[in-house]
Protein backbone atom coordinates (compact mmCIF):
# COMPACT_ATOMS: atom_id res chain seq x y z
CA MET A 1 0.01 -0.01 0.01
CA LEU A 2 1.29 3.48 -0.92
CA LYS A 3 1.91 5.63 2.11
CA ILE A 4 1.26 9.41 2.13
CA THR A 5 4.90 9.89 3.15
CA ASP A 6 5.96 8.19 -0.14
CA ILE A 7 4.24 10.86 -2.25
CA ILE A 8 6.66 13.26 -4.02
CA ILE A 9 5.35 16.84 -4.43
CA ASP A 10 6.64 18.81 -7.45
CA PRO A 11 8.71 21.85 -6.30
CA LEU A 12 7.10 23.80 -9.21
CA THR A 13 4.00 24.08 -7.05
CA LEU A 14 5.85 26.77 -5.04
CA GLY A 15 5.92 29.09 -8.03
CA SER A 16 8.80 30.45 -10.15
CA LYS A 17 10.11 32.98 -7.59
CA LEU A 18 11.43 32.23 -4.11
CA TRP A 19 12.30 35.12 -1.84
CA LEU A 20 14.67 34.30 1.02
CA VAL A 21 13.52 36.18 4.14
CA ASP A 22 15.25 34.36 7.06
CA ILE A 23 17.88 31.80 8.01
CA GLN A 24 17.78 29.74 11.24
CA PRO A 25 19.93 26.88 12.49
CA ALA A 26 18.61 23.34 12.36
CA TYR A 27 19.49 21.10 15.34
CA SER A 28 19.85 17.42 15.79
CA TYR A 29 17.34 15.56 17.94
CA VAL A 30 17.97 12.57 20.20
CA ASN A 31 14.98 10.61 21.56
CA GLY A 32 12.65 13.43 20.56
CA HIS A 33 14.66 16.12 22.40
CA ARG A 34 16.68 18.89 20.72
CA THR A 35 20.41 18.93 21.28
CA ASP A 36 22.82 21.87 20.94
CA THR A 37 24.33 20.35 17.80
CA ILE A 38 23.67 22.35 14.62
CA THR A 39 23.37 19.97 11.64
CA GLY A 40 22.32 22.48 8.98
CA TYR A 41 20.19 25.52 8.35
CA ARG A 42 16.57 26.32 7.48
CA TYR A 43 16.22 28.92 4.73
CA THR A 44 12.72 30.44 4.95
CA VAL A 45 11.40 31.63 1.65
CA ALA A 46 8.26 33.66 0.87
CA LEU A 47 6.29 32.57 -2.22
CA PRO A 48 5.08 35.71 -4.06
CA GLU A 49 2.93 33.61 -6.40
CA LYS A 50 1.20 31.96 -3.38
CA ASN A 51 0.12 35.02 -1.42
CA LEU A 52 3.54 35.25 0.26
CA GLU A 53 3.03 31.93 2.07
CA LYS A 54 6.34 30.74 3.56
CA ILE A 55 8.18 27.47 3.63
CA ALA A 56 11.49 26.59 5.28
CA VAL A 57 13.99 24.62 3.19
CA ARG A 58 16.58 22.62 5.10
CA ILE A 59 20.13 22.36 3.87
CA ASP A 60 22.51 20.18 5.91
CA GLY A 61 26.02 21.47 6.60
CA ALA A 62 27.52 24.93 6.96
CA GLN A 63 25.51 28.11 6.46
CA LYS A 64 25.54 28.98 2.71
CA MET A 65 24.81 32.71 2.87
CA GLU A 66 24.10 35.60 5.25
CA ASN A 67 20.63 36.38 6.49
CA PRO A 68 19.14 38.97 4.12
CA ASN A 69 18.22 42.53 5.04
CA GLY A 70 14.69 42.39 3.69
CA PHE A 71 14.61 39.68 1.01
CA VAL A 72 16.64 38.32 -1.92
CA GLU A 73 15.55 36.06 -4.71
CA VAL A 74 17.12 32.59 -4.55
CA THR A 75 17.08 29.25 -6.21
CA PHE A 76 17.79 25.84 -4.73
CA SER A 77 19.77 22.82 -6.01
CA ASP A 78 17.98 19.46 -5.75
CA LEU A 79 14.88 20.97 -4.06
CA GLU A 80 12.56 18.31 -2.74
CA LEU A 81 9.21 18.63 -1.03
CA PHE A 82 7.81 15.96 1.25
CA ILE A 83 5.01 15.26 3.71
CA TYR A 84 5.66 14.60 7.41
CA TRP A 85 3.45 14.45 10.51
CA GLY A 86 3.53 17.59 12.67
CA ALA A 87 3.17 18.01 16.41
CA GLN A 88 -0.64 17.92 16.37
CA ASN A 89 -0.50 14.72 14.25
CA GLN A 90 -1.41 16.69 11.15
CA PRO A 91 0.30 16.32 7.76
CA GLN A 92 2.79 19.09 6.99
CA VAL A 93 4.84 19.94 3.93
CA GLY A 94 8.60 19.96 4.42
CA ALA A 95 11.42 20.90 2.09
CA ARG A 96 15.08 20.07 1.71
CA ALA A 97 17.81 20.86 -0.79
CA THR A 98 21.53 20.46 -1.27
CA ASP A 99 22.43 24.12 -1.97
CA ILE A 100 21.10 27.66 -2.37
CA GLN A 101 22.16 30.40 -4.78
CA LEU A 102 21.25 34.06 -5.23
CA VAL A 103 19.41 34.83 -8.45
CA SER A 104 21.53 37.36 -10.31
CA SER A 105 18.62 39.77 -10.86
CA ALA A 106 17.65 39.72 -7.19
CA ARG A 107 17.22 43.02 -5.41
CA ASN A 108 17.36 43.64 -1.70
CA LYS A 109 14.21 45.14 -0.26
CA GLU A 110 15.08 48.34 1.55
């Protein structure tokens, strides 16, 4: 039987523009409890084609860029969306990637 967590969601559903608005560390968890070990970073992007909804994209490893002052347009390498079960036992959409790059025509919001 196909499980909901086996469904792959097309990243194109996010729209063609992704605006990086925040960067936060991602920590490892042991037995359901957060440790002080940073394993990567979550890059929160606003989706201008989806009423500025936001999604955080996790990239393991070192921080790839500085937190923007306002927002910058970005693109991700190997962006993957997936479904996971949240704290209230509700399905949530998660995202992960292997890298992030600035889009050359990006402008900082003043």
